[in-house]
C-alpha atoms as a PDB file:
ATOM      1  CA  MET A   1      36.248 -43.968  44.156  1.00  0.00           C
ATOM      2  CA  SER A   2      32.537 -43.292  44.137  1.00  0.00           C
ATOM      3  CA  ASP A   3      30.265 -45.611  42.231  1.00  0.00           C
ATOM      4  CA  ARG A   4      28.597 -43.578  39.488  1.00  0.00           C
ATOM      5  CA  SER A   5      25.914 -44.868  37.161  1.00  0.00           C
ATOM      6  CA  GLY A   6      23.735 -43.275  34.510  1.00  0.00           C
ATOM      7  CA  ALA A   7      20.407 -43.923  32.910  1.00  0.00           C
ATOM      8  CA  VAL A   8      19.051 -43.249  29.464  1.00  0.00           C
ATOM      9  CA  PHE A   9      15.438 -42.103  29.220  1.00  0.00           C
ATOM     10  CA  ASP A  10      13.321 -42.376  26.108  1.00  0.00           C
ATOM     11  CA  LEU A  11      11.529 -39.028  25.858  1.00  0.00           C
ATOM     12  CA  GLY A  12       9.669 -40.030  22.757  1.00  0.00           C
ATOM     13  CA  TYR A  13      11.463 -37.576  20.456  1.00  0.00           C
ATOM     14  CA  LYS A  14      10.562 -37.935  16.816  1.00  0.00           C
ATOM     15  CA  PRO A  15      12.137 -36.025  13.958  1.00  0.00           C
ATOM     16  CA  TYR A  16       9.933 -33.772  11.818  1.00  0.00           C
ATOM     17  CA  GLU A  17       8.411 -35.882   9.070  1.00  0.00           C
ATOM     18  CA  GLY A  18       6.115 -33.298   7.470  1.00  0.00           C
ATOM     19  CA  THR A  19       6.575 -31.413   4.238  1.00  0.00           C
ATOM     20  CA  ARG A  20       9.545 -29.063   4.232  1.00  0.00           C
ATOM     21  CA  LEU A  21       8.305 -25.909   2.518  1.00  0.00           C
ATOM     22  CA  GLY A  22      11.720 -24.325   2.115  1.00  0.00           C
ATOM     23  CA  ARG A  23      12.348 -20.778   0.981  1.00  0.00           C
ATOM     24  CA  SER A  24       9.027 -20.228  -0.786  1.00  0.00           C
ATOM     25  CA  GLY A  25       7.164 -21.442   2.280  1.00  0.00           C
ATOM     26  CA  ALA A  26       9.029 -18.992   4.511  1.00  0.00           C
ATOM     27  CA  ILE A  27       8.192 -16.105   2.164  1.00  0.00           C
ATOM     28  CA  ARG A  28       4.506 -17.055   2.085  1.00  0.00           C
ATOM     29  CA  THR A  29       4.421 -17.285   5.872  1.00  0.00           C
ATOM     30  CA  ILE A  30       5.940 -13.825   6.317  1.00  0.00           C
ATOM     31  CA  LEU A  31       3.577 -12.390   3.712  1.00  0.00           C
ATOM     32  CA  LYS A  32       0.512 -13.843   5.457  1.00  0.00           C
ATOM     33  CA  ASP A  33       1.789 -12.643   8.810  1.00  0.00           C
ATOM     34  CA  GLY A  34       2.193  -9.153   7.336  1.00  0.00           C
ATOM     35  CA  VAL A  35      -1.396  -9.065   6.082  1.00  0.00           C
ATOM     36  CA  ARG A  36      -2.701 -10.177   9.481  1.00  0.00           C
ATOM     37  CA  ARG A  37      -0.505  -7.682  11.279  1.00  0.00           C
ATOM     38  CA  VAL A  38      -1.536  -4.560   9.349  1.00  0.00           C
ATOM     39  CA  LEU A  39      -5.217  -5.521   9.660  1.00  0.00           C
ATOM     40  CA  GLY A  40      -4.934  -6.383  13.349  1.00  0.00           C
ATOM     41  CA  ILE A  41      -6.063  -9.982  12.800  1.00  0.00           C
ATOM     42  CA  ARG A  42      -5.341 -12.279  15.779  1.00  0.00           C
ATOM     43  CA  ARG A  43      -4.312  -9.237  17.800  1.00  0.00           C
ATOM     44  CA  LYS A  44      -5.900  -7.241  20.591  1.00  0.00           C
ATOM     45  CA  ALA A  45      -9.147  -5.398  19.877  1.00  0.00           C
ATOM     46  CA  ARG A  46      -7.491  -1.984  20.065  1.00  0.00           C
ATOM     47  CA  LYS A  47      -5.137  -3.028  17.252  1.00  0.00           C
ATOM     48  CA  LYS A  48      -8.143  -3.628  14.995  1.00  0.00           C
ATOM     49  CA  ILE A  49      -9.884  -0.276  15.462  1.00  0.00           C
ATOM     50  CA  TYR A  50      -7.684   1.917  13.278  1.00  0.00           C
ATOM     51  CA  PRO A  51      -7.125  -0.393  10.271  1.00  0.00           C
ATOM     52  CA  TRP A  52     -10.728  -1.536  10.026  1.00  0.00           C
ATOM     53  CA  SER A  53     -11.973   2.026  10.406  1.00  0.00           C
ATOM     54  CA  MET A  54      -9.880   2.919   7.358  1.00  0.00           C
ATOM     55  CA  VAL A  55     -11.243  -0.104   5.483  1.00  0.00           C
ATOM     56  CA  ALA A  56     -14.799   0.971   6.271  1.00  0.00           C
ATOM     57  CA  LEU A  57     -14.119   4.541   5.128  1.00  0.00           C
ATOM     58  CA  ALA A  58     -12.762   3.229   1.818  1.00  0.00           C
ATOM     59  CA  ILE A  59     -15.540   0.757   1.023  1.00  0.00           C
ATOM     60  CA  LEU A  60     -18.781   1.917   2.654  1.00  0.00           C
ATOM     61  CA  PRO A  61     -19.363   5.048   0.516  1.00  0.00           C
ATOM     62  CA  ALA A  62     -19.268   2.976  -2.680  1.00  0.00           C
ATOM     63  CA  ALA A  63     -21.456   0.265  -1.164  1.00  0.00           C
ATOM     64  CA  VAL A  64     -24.037   2.793  -0.001  1.00  0.00           C
ATOM     65  CA  PHE A  65     -24.124   4.604  -3.308  1.00  0.00           C
ATOM     66  CA  VAL A  66     -24.469   1.412  -5.359  1.00  0.00           C
ATOM     67  CA  GLY A  67     -27.193   0.258  -2.989  1.00  0.00           C
ATOM     68  CA  LEU A  68     -29.081   3.520  -3.467  1.00  0.00           C
ATOM     69  CA  ALA A  69     -28.696   3.235  -7.215  1.00  0.00           C
ATOM     70  CA  PHE A  70     -30.258  -0.244  -7.141  1.00  0.00           C
ATOM     71  CA  THR A  71     -33.041   0.969  -4.865  1.00  0.00           C
ATOM     72  CA  LEU A  72     -33.884   3.793  -7.242  1.00  0.00           C
ATOM     73  CA  ASN A  73     -33.297   1.500 -10.226  1.00  0.00           C
ATOM     74  CA  ALA A  74     -31.493   4.276 -12.031  1.00  0.00           C
ATOM     75  CA  PHE A  75     -27.991   5.610 -12.380  1.00  0.00           C
ATOM     76  CA  SER A  76     -26.617   8.713 -14.037  1.00  0.00           C
ATOM     77  CA  PRO A  77     -22.982   9.141 -12.983  1.00  0.00           C
ATOM     78  CA  ASP A  78     -22.615  12.674 -14.289  1.00  0.00           C
ATOM     79  CA  THR A  79     -25.571  14.032 -12.343  1.00  0.00           C
ATOM     80  CA  GLU A  80     -26.179  11.777  -9.343  1.00  0.00           C
ATOM     81  CA  SER A  81     -22.841  10.438  -8.169  1.00  0.00           C
ATOM     82  CA  PRO A  82     -21.384  12.315  -5.203  1.00  0.00           C
ATOM     83  CA  PHE A  83     -17.960  11.015  -6.297  1.00  0.00           C
ATOM     84  CA  GLY A  84     -18.187  11.699 -10.028  1.00  0.00           C
ATOM     85  CA  GLY A  85     -16.684   8.363 -11.118  1.00  0.00           C
ATOM     86  CA  HIS A  86     -13.706   6.050 -10.630  1.00  0.00           C
ATOM     87  CA  ALA A  87     -11.091   8.827 -10.811  1.00  0.00           C
ATOM     88  CA  GLU A  88     -12.769  10.871  -8.083  1.00  0.00           C
ATOM     89  CA  TYR A  89     -13.354   7.838  -5.904  1.00  0.00           C
ATOM     90  CA  ILE A  90      -9.707   6.867  -6.241  1.00  0.00           C
ATOM     91  CA  ALA A  91      -8.799  10.352  -5.024  1.00  0.00           C
ATOM     92  CA  LEU A  92     -10.901   9.713  -1.912  1.00  0.00           C
ATOM     93  CA  THR A  93      -9.377   6.270  -1.447  1.00  0.00           C
ATOM     94  CA  GLY A  94      -5.866   7.637  -1.938  1.00  0.00           C
ATOM     95  CA  ALA A  95      -6.238  10.004   0.999  1.00  0.00           C
ATOM     96  CA  ILE A  96      -7.454   7.134   3.197  1.00  0.00           C
ATOM     97  CA  VAL A  97      -4.630   4.887   1.996  1.00  0.00           C
ATOM     98  CA  MET A  98      -2.007   7.451   2.965  1.00  0.00           C
ATOM     99  CA  LEU A  99      -3.382   7.596   6.509  1.00  0.00           C
ATOM    100  CA  PHE A 100      -3.509   3.798   6.648  1.00  0.00           C
ATOM    101  CA  VAL A 101       0.047   3.387   5.342  1.00  0.00           C
ATOM    102  CA  ALA A 102       1.373   5.830   7.945  1.00  0.00           C
ATOM    103  CA  LEU A 103       0.791   3.196  10.626  1.00  0.00           C
ATOM    104  CA  ALA A 104       0.805  -0.008   8.552  1.00  0.00           C
ATOM    105  CA  GLY A 105       4.372   0.483   7.289  1.00  0.00           C
ATOM    106  CA  PRO A 106       5.876   0.830  10.772  1.00  0.00           C
ATOM    107  CA  GLU A 107       3.772  -2.080  12.071  1.00  0.00           C
ATOM    108  CA  LEU A 108       5.274  -4.325   9.413  1.00  0.00           C
ATOM    109  CA  LEU A 109       8.948  -3.632  10.081  1.00  0.00           C
ATOM    110  CA  ILE A 110       9.644  -2.070  13.459  1.00  0.00           C
ATOM    111  CA  PRO A 111       8.274  -4.840  15.768  1.00  0.00           C
ATOM    112  CA  ASP A 112      10.463  -7.394  13.981  1.00  0.00           C
ATOM    113  CA  ARG A 113      13.561  -5.461  15.029  1.00  0.00           C
ATOM    114  CA  GLU A 114      12.348  -4.560  18.525  1.00  0.00           C
ATOM    115  CA  GLU A 115      11.231  -8.079  19.410  1.00  0.00           C
ATOM    116  CA  GLY A 116      14.153  -9.955  17.873  1.00  0.00           C
ATOM    117  CA  VAL A 117      12.034 -11.661  15.222  1.00  0.00           C
ATOM    118  CA  LEU A 118      14.700 -11.104  12.567  1.00  0.00           C
ATOM    119  CA  ALA A 119      16.886 -13.678  14.321  1.00  0.00           C
ATOM    120  CA  VAL A 120      14.129 -16.243  13.808  1.00  0.00           C
ATOM    121  CA  TYR A 121      13.780 -15.326  10.147  1.00  0.00           C
ATOM    122  CA  SER A 122      17.540 -15.591   9.645  1.00  0.00           C
ATOM    123  CA  SER A 123      17.391 -19.239  10.703  1.00  0.00           C
ATOM    124  CA  ARG A 124      15.154 -19.931   7.705  1.00  0.00           C
ATOM    125  CA  PRO A 125      16.341 -20.471   4.115  1.00  0.00           C
ATOM    126  CA  MET A 126      15.641 -16.916   2.987  1.00  0.00           C
ATOM    127  CA  THR A 127      17.513 -13.760   2.041  1.00  0.00           C
ATOM    128  CA  ALA A 128      17.089 -10.070   2.807  1.00  0.00           C
ATOM    129  CA  TRP A 129      15.408  -9.635  -0.574  1.00  0.00           C
ATOM    130  CA  ASP A 130      12.916 -12.360   0.343  1.00  0.00           C
ATOM    131  CA  TYR A 131      12.021 -10.584   3.563  1.00  0.00           C
ATOM    132  CA  ILE A 132      11.652  -7.219   1.838  1.00  0.00           C
ATOM    133  CA  ALA A 133       9.517  -8.708  -0.924  1.00  0.00           C
ATOM    134  CA  ALA A 134       7.263 -10.478   1.578  1.00  0.00           C
ATOM    135  CA  ARG A 135       6.707  -7.376   3.716  1.00  0.00           C
ATOM    136  CA  ALA A 136       6.189  -5.108   0.696  1.00  0.00           C
ATOM    137  CA  GLY A 137       3.912  -7.731  -0.855  1.00  0.00           C
ATOM    138  CA  ALA A 138       1.765  -7.880   2.269  1.00  0.00           C
ATOM    139  CA  LEU A 139       1.349  -4.107   2.308  1.00  0.00           C
ATOM    140  CA  SER A 140       0.615  -4.033  -1.428  1.00  0.00           C
ATOM    141  CA  ALA A 141      -2.001  -6.770  -1.162  1.00  0.00           C
ATOM    142  CA  VAL A 142      -3.917  -4.937   1.554  1.00  0.00           C
ATOM    143  CA  LEU A 143      -3.710  -1.596  -0.237  1.00  0.00           C
ATOM    144  CA  ALA A 144      -4.896  -3.207  -3.467  1.00  0.00           C
ATOM    145  CA  GLY A 145      -8.022  -4.265  -1.602  1.00  0.00           C
ATOM    146  CA  PHE A 146      -8.661  -0.638  -0.647  1.00  0.00           C
ATOM    147  CA  PHE A 147      -8.783   0.324  -4.309  1.00  0.00           C
ATOM    148  CA  LEU A 148     -10.185  -2.753  -6.007  1.00  0.00           C
ATOM    149  CA  VAL A 149     -13.092  -3.684  -3.729  1.00  0.00           C
ATOM    150  CA  PRO A 150     -15.019  -0.390  -3.931  1.00  0.00           C
ATOM    151  CA  ASN A 151     -14.175   0.221  -7.579  1.00  0.00           C
ATOM    152  CA  LEU A 152     -15.172  -3.297  -8.608  1.00  0.00           C
ATOM    153  CA  LEU A 153     -18.374  -2.842  -6.651  1.00  0.00           C
ATOM    154  CA  MET A 154     -19.095   0.330  -8.634  1.00  0.00           C
ATOM    155  CA  TYR A 155     -17.969  -1.282 -11.902  1.00  0.00           C
ATOM    156  CA  PHE A 156     -20.272  -4.300 -11.665  1.00  0.00           C
ATOM    157  CA  GLY A 157     -23.067  -2.531  -9.825  1.00  0.00           C
ATOM    158  CA  PHE A 158     -23.502   0.265 -12.326  1.00  0.00           C
ATOM    159  CA  ALA A 159     -23.033  -2.107 -15.257  1.00  0.00           C
ATOM    160  CA  ALA A 160     -26.005  -4.095 -13.971  1.00  0.00           C
ATOM    161  CA  LEU A 161     -28.116  -0.930 -14.171  1.00  0.00           C
ATOM    162  CA  ASP A 162     -26.860   0.111 -17.594  1.00  0.00           C
ATOM    163  CA  SER A 163     -29.480   0.168 -20.341  1.00  0.00           C
ATOM    164  CA  ARG A 164     -27.071  -1.638 -22.691  1.00  0.00           C
ATOM    165  CA  GLY A 165     -27.134  -4.749 -20.525  1.00  0.00           C
ATOM    166  CA  LEU A 166     -24.615  -6.192 -18.086  1.00  0.00           C
ATOM    167  CA  GLY A 167     -22.283  -7.835 -20.598  1.00  0.00           C
ATOM    168  CA  SER A 168     -22.169  -4.900 -22.995  1.00  0.00           C
ATOM    169  CA  ALA A 169     -21.644  -2.418 -20.165  1.00  0.00           C
ATOM    170  CA  LEU A 170     -18.786  -4.457 -18.665  1.00  0.00           C
ATOM    171  CA  LEU A 171     -16.990  -4.709 -21.990  1.00  0.00           C
ATOM    172  CA  GLY A 172     -17.724  -1.105 -22.904  1.00  0.00           C
ATOM    173  CA  ASN A 173     -16.261   0.189 -19.638  1.00  0.00           C
ATOM    174  CA  LEU A 174     -13.303  -2.177 -19.506  1.00  0.00           C
ATOM    175  CA  ASP A 175     -10.882   0.699 -20.059  1.00  0.00           C
ATOM    176  CA  ASP A 176     -12.081   2.219 -16.779  1.00  0.00           C
ATOM    177  CA  LEU A 177     -11.043  -0.941 -14.963  1.00  0.00           C
ATOM    178  CA  LEU A 178      -7.587  -0.827 -16.559  1.00  0.00           C
ATOM    179  CA  ASN A 179      -7.219   2.815 -15.517  1.00  0.00           C
ATOM    180  CA  VAL A 180      -8.200   1.891 -11.969  1.00  0.00           C
ATOM    181  CA  VAL A 181      -5.398  -0.703 -11.860  1.00  0.00           C
ATOM    182  CA  LEU A 182      -2.799   1.718 -13.234  1.00  0.00           C
ATOM    183  CA  ALA A 183      -3.770   4.454 -10.785  1.00  0.00           C
ATOM    184  CA  MET A 184      -3.829   1.901  -7.963  1.00  0.00           C
ATOM    185  CA  ILE A 185      -0.239   0.871  -8.702  1.00  0.00           C
ATOM    186  CA  ALA A 186       0.871   4.503  -8.651  1.00  0.00           C
ATOM    187  CA  TYR A 187      -0.718   5.073  -5.241  1.00  0.00           C
ATOM    188  CA  ILE A 188       0.539   1.820  -3.717  1.00  0.00           C
ATOM    189  CA  VAL A 189       4.129   2.410  -4.809  1.00  0.00           C
ATOM    190  CA  GLY A 190       4.043   6.188  -4.399  1.00  0.00           C
ATOM    191  CA  TYR A 191       2.711   6.095  -0.833  1.00  0.00           C
ATOM    192  CA  GLY A 192       3.965   2.676   0.267  1.00  0.00           C
ATOM    193  CA  ALA A 193       7.650   3.028  -0.617  1.00  0.00           C
ATOM    194  CA  PRO A 194       8.302   6.151   1.515  1.00  0.00           C
ATOM    195  CA  ALA A 195       6.469   4.558   4.451  1.00  0.00           C
ATOM    196  CA  LEU A 196       8.641   1.437   4.265  1.00  0.00           C
ATOM    197  CA  LEU A 197      11.787   3.550   3.922  1.00  0.00           C
ATOM    198  CA  VAL A 198      10.993   5.577   7.034  1.00  0.00           C
ATOM    199  CA  SER A 199      10.082   2.406   8.936  1.00  0.00           C
ATOM    200  CA  THR A 200      13.389   0.793   7.968  1.00  0.00           C
ATOM    201  CA  TYR A 201      15.326   3.280  10.098  1.00  0.00           C
ATOM    202  CA  ALA A 202      12.806   4.480  12.713  1.00  0.00           C
ATOM    203  CA  LYS A 203      12.887   2.883  16.156  1.00  0.00           C
ATOM    204  CA  ARG A 204       9.313   3.561  17.290  1.00  0.00           C
ATOM    205  CA  THR A 205       6.035   3.041  15.474  1.00  0.00           C
ATOM    206  CA  GLY A 206       4.540   6.372  16.527  1.00  0.00           C
ATOM    207  CA  VAL A 207       7.653   8.296  15.538  1.00  0.00           C
ATOM    208  CA  ALA A 208       7.733   6.575  12.156  1.00  0.00           C
ATOM    209  CA  ALA A 209       4.068   7.369  11.468  1.00  0.00           C
ATOM    210  CA  GLY A 210       4.531  11.019  12.417  1.00  0.00           C
ATOM    211  CA  THR A 211       7.713  11.323  10.363  1.00  0.00           C
ATOM    212  CA  TYR A 212       6.050   9.796   7.316  1.00  0.00           C
ATOM    213  CA  LEU A 213       3.072  12.158   7.442  1.00  0.00           C
ATOM    214  CA  ALA A 214       5.376  15.131   7.990  1.00  0.00           C
ATOM    215  CA  ILE A 215       7.449  14.148   4.951  1.00  0.00           C
ATOM    216  CA  MET A 216       4.428  13.622   2.705  1.00  0.00           C
ATOM    217  CA  PHE A 217       2.617  16.837   3.621  1.00  0.00           C
ATOM    218  CA  GLY A 218       5.866  18.783   3.889  1.00  0.00           C
ATOM    219  CA  SER A 219       6.877  17.661   0.410  1.00  0.00           C
ATOM    220  CA  VAL A 220       3.840  19.446  -1.028  1.00  0.00           C
ATOM    221  CA  ALA A 221       4.869  22.669   0.685  1.00  0.00           C
ATOM    222  CA  PHE A 222       8.411  22.323  -0.655  1.00  0.00           C
ATOM    223  CA  GLY A 223       7.142  21.600  -4.157  1.00  0.00           C
ATOM    224  CA  GLU A 224       4.844  24.598  -4.206  1.00  0.00           C
ATOM    225  CA  ALA A 225       7.579  26.812  -2.760  1.00  0.00           C
ATOM    226  CA  PHE A 226       9.980  25.855  -5.560  1.00  0.00           C
ATOM    227  CA  GLN A 227       7.208  26.524  -8.054  1.00  0.00           C
ATOM    228  CA  GLN A 228       7.145  30.172  -6.931  1.00  0.00           C
ATOM    229  CA  ILE A 229      10.926  30.668  -7.095  1.00  0.00           C
ATOM    230  CA  ASP A 230      12.031  32.418 -10.256  1.00  0.00           C
ATOM    231  CA  PHE A 231      15.434  31.108 -11.263  1.00  0.00           C
ATOM    232  CA  THR A 232      16.770  28.489 -13.646  1.00  0.00           C
ATOM    233  CA  GLY A 233      16.433  24.957 -12.352  1.00  0.00           C
ATOM    234  CA  ALA A 234      14.065  25.808  -9.506  1.00  0.00           C
ATOM    235  CA  ARG A 235      11.260  23.903 -11.175  1.00  0.00           C
ATOM    236  CA  PHE A 236      13.065  20.619 -10.525  1.00  0.00           C
ATOM    237  CA  GLY A 237      12.396  21.200  -6.841  1.00  0.00           C
ATOM    238  CA  THR A 238       8.700  20.645  -7.514  1.00  0.00           C
ATOM    239  CA  LEU A 239       9.514  16.970  -8.068  1.00  0.00           C
ATOM    240  CA  LEU A 240       9.996  16.713  -4.295  1.00  0.00           C
ATOM    241  CA  SER A 241       6.209  16.813  -3.920  1.00  0.00           C
ATOM    242  CA  LEU A 242       5.868  13.089  -3.213  1.00  0.00           C
ATOM    243  CA  LEU A 243       2.249  13.357  -2.153  1.00  0.00           C
ATOM    244  CA  GLN A 244       1.150  14.686  -5.533  1.00  0.00           C
ATOM    245  CA  HIS A 245       2.854  12.266  -7.913  1.00  0.00           C
ATOM    246  CA  PRO A 246       0.243   9.489  -7.602  1.00  0.00           C
ATOM    247  CA  GLU A 247      -2.481  12.105  -8.099  1.00  0.00           C
ATOM    248  CA  VAL A 248      -0.797  13.249 -11.318  1.00  0.00           C
ATOM    249  CA  VAL A 249      -0.642   9.679 -12.621  1.00  0.00           C
ATOM    250  CA  ARG A 250      -4.300   9.153 -11.710  1.00  0.00           C
ATOM    251  CA  ASP A 251      -5.393  12.213 -13.667  1.00  0.00           C
ATOM    252  CA  TRP A 252      -3.110  11.200 -16.532  1.00  0.00           C
ATOM    253  CA  VAL A 253      -4.545   7.710 -16.998  1.00  0.00           C
ATOM    254  CA  PHE A 254      -8.120   8.983 -16.651  1.00  0.00           C
ATOM    255  CA  ASP A 255      -7.408  11.715 -19.213  1.00  0.00           C
ATOM    256  CA  LYS A 256      -8.005  14.611 -16.848  1.00  0.00           C
ATOM    257  CA  ASN A 257      -6.015  17.792 -16.372  1.00  0.00           C
ATOM    258  CA  PRO A 258      -3.538  17.266 -13.505  1.00  0.00           C
ATOM    259  CA  THR A 259      -3.302  20.125 -11.037  1.00  0.00           C
ATOM    260  CA  SER A 260      -0.084  19.891  -9.042  1.00  0.00           C
ATOM    261  CA  ALA A 261       3.224  21.622  -8.482  1.00  0.00           C
ATOM    262  CA  PRO A 262       5.154  19.385 -10.953  1.00  0.00           C
ATOM    263  CA  THR A 263       2.673  19.857 -13.802  1.00  0.00           C
ATOM    264  CA  ALA A 264       2.354  23.580 -13.064  1.00  0.00           C
ATOM    265  CA  ALA A 265       6.150  23.772 -13.372  1.00  0.00           C
ATOM    266  CA  GLY A 266       5.932  22.318 -16.860  1.00  0.00           C
ATOM    267  CA  PHE A 267       6.698  18.624 -16.267  1.00  0.00           C
ATOM    268  CA  GLU A 268       4.786  16.048 -18.281  1.00  0.00           C
ATOM    269  CA  PRO A 269       2.621  13.597 -16.280  1.00  0.00           C
ATOM    270  CA  TRP A 270       4.907  10.673 -17.130  1.00  0.00           C
ATOM    271  CA  THR A 271       7.628  12.411 -15.112  1.00  0.00           C
ATOM    272  CA  SER A 272       5.636  11.703 -11.952  1.00  0.00           C
ATOM    273  CA  ALA A 273       5.540   8.007 -12.855  1.00  0.00           C
ATOM    274  CA  VAL A 274       9.331   8.057 -13.243  1.00  0.00           C
ATOM    275  CA  VAL A 275       9.797   9.764  -9.868  1.00  0.00           C
ATOM    276  CA  ILE A 276       7.586   7.138  -8.199  1.00  0.00           C
ATOM    277  CA  GLY A 277       9.704   4.397  -9.764  1.00  0.00           C
ATOM    278  CA  VAL A 278      12.988   6.032  -8.720  1.00  0.00           C
ATOM    279  CA  VAL A 279      11.809   6.413  -5.111  1.00  0.00           C
ATOM    280  CA  ALA A 280      10.794   2.741  -5.095  1.00  0.00           C
ATOM    281  CA  VAL A 281      14.196   1.612  -6.405  1.00  0.00           C
ATOM    282  CA  VAL A 282      16.068   3.764  -3.871  1.00  0.00           C
ATOM    283  CA  THR A 283      13.838   2.417  -1.098  1.00  0.00           C
ATOM    284  CA  ALA A 284      14.527  -1.193  -2.107  1.00  0.00           C
ATOM    285  CA  TYR A 285      18.281  -0.545  -2.216  1.00  0.00           C
ATOM    286  CA  LEU A 286      18.406   1.125   1.202  1.00  0.00           C
ATOM    287  CA  MET A 287      16.188  -1.521   2.775  1.00  0.00           C
ATOM    288  CA  HIS A 288      18.474  -4.239   1.449  1.00  0.00           C
ATOM    289  CA  ARG A 289      21.527  -2.474   2.869  1.00  0.00           C
ATOM    290  CA  ARG A 290      19.765  -2.270   6.221  1.00  0.00           C
ATOM    291  CA  TYR A 291      18.701  -5.912   6.395  1.00  0.00           C
ATOM    292  CA  ARG A 292      21.404  -7.812   4.524  1.00  0.00           C
ATOM    293  CA  SER A 293      23.532  -8.144   7.668  1.00  0.00           C
ATOM    294  CA  GLU A 294      20.636  -9.479   9.735  1.00  0.00           C
ATOM    295  CA  LEU A 295      19.122 -12.015   7.348  1.00  0.00           C
END
């Protein structure tokens, strides 16, 4: 028989002795990763061009206008503002947000499936709902910045120029800030939910972005087509106009007259808020069905 012997080597292995963050820590990590991903942070330069171009388009007009107002030491929103006010600026921001979401939604979900990252997440103490909440939360946080930063800049900047004084102007216009938040929620949910739903099933980022834009713009055409059809029940087809529902809610909260296929068909503005909520619930349900077997 051959003489066999073995040796034991001390490789210096030490067990992890740091803080175990658990489920909440995993959710926070995925949320932070999502924010960095959609903004191109810690990624190649070409991944930063599109998102930061959209950020600049959303913020710079307000910054320039407020700066001009300070330079001239005067402000008359009704006569001098090229945007008209918060409602009109939100309309501008909403269009930019839709273009941003078209690529941000797919970037959040599709690479995780293509690169096998879901297997890593499944080894953590988290559920499919945790993953969905973290990804949706990351997208919502970034989109909230699109709306809040320029509107807060206008809110505080113009209040500083108000003849009533800063404090009085801020308190007197507080309802505008509340309306901004309500309209912001409508846009984030109304545009974000369809993007996440498309990205849940699409296999390529470019295909998902194109599909999302086609659905959003196509929905307006469908809604307006149903508006022209003259038979009982056709007006309910106008509710398919997903692109217009956040715009209706915006005009509603700012006490303006909504102009859209649903309102032209006789639906009250609150109906658009309900449709946005229903789409969000359906999106959450379908996303959970898609990911519950993988997480």
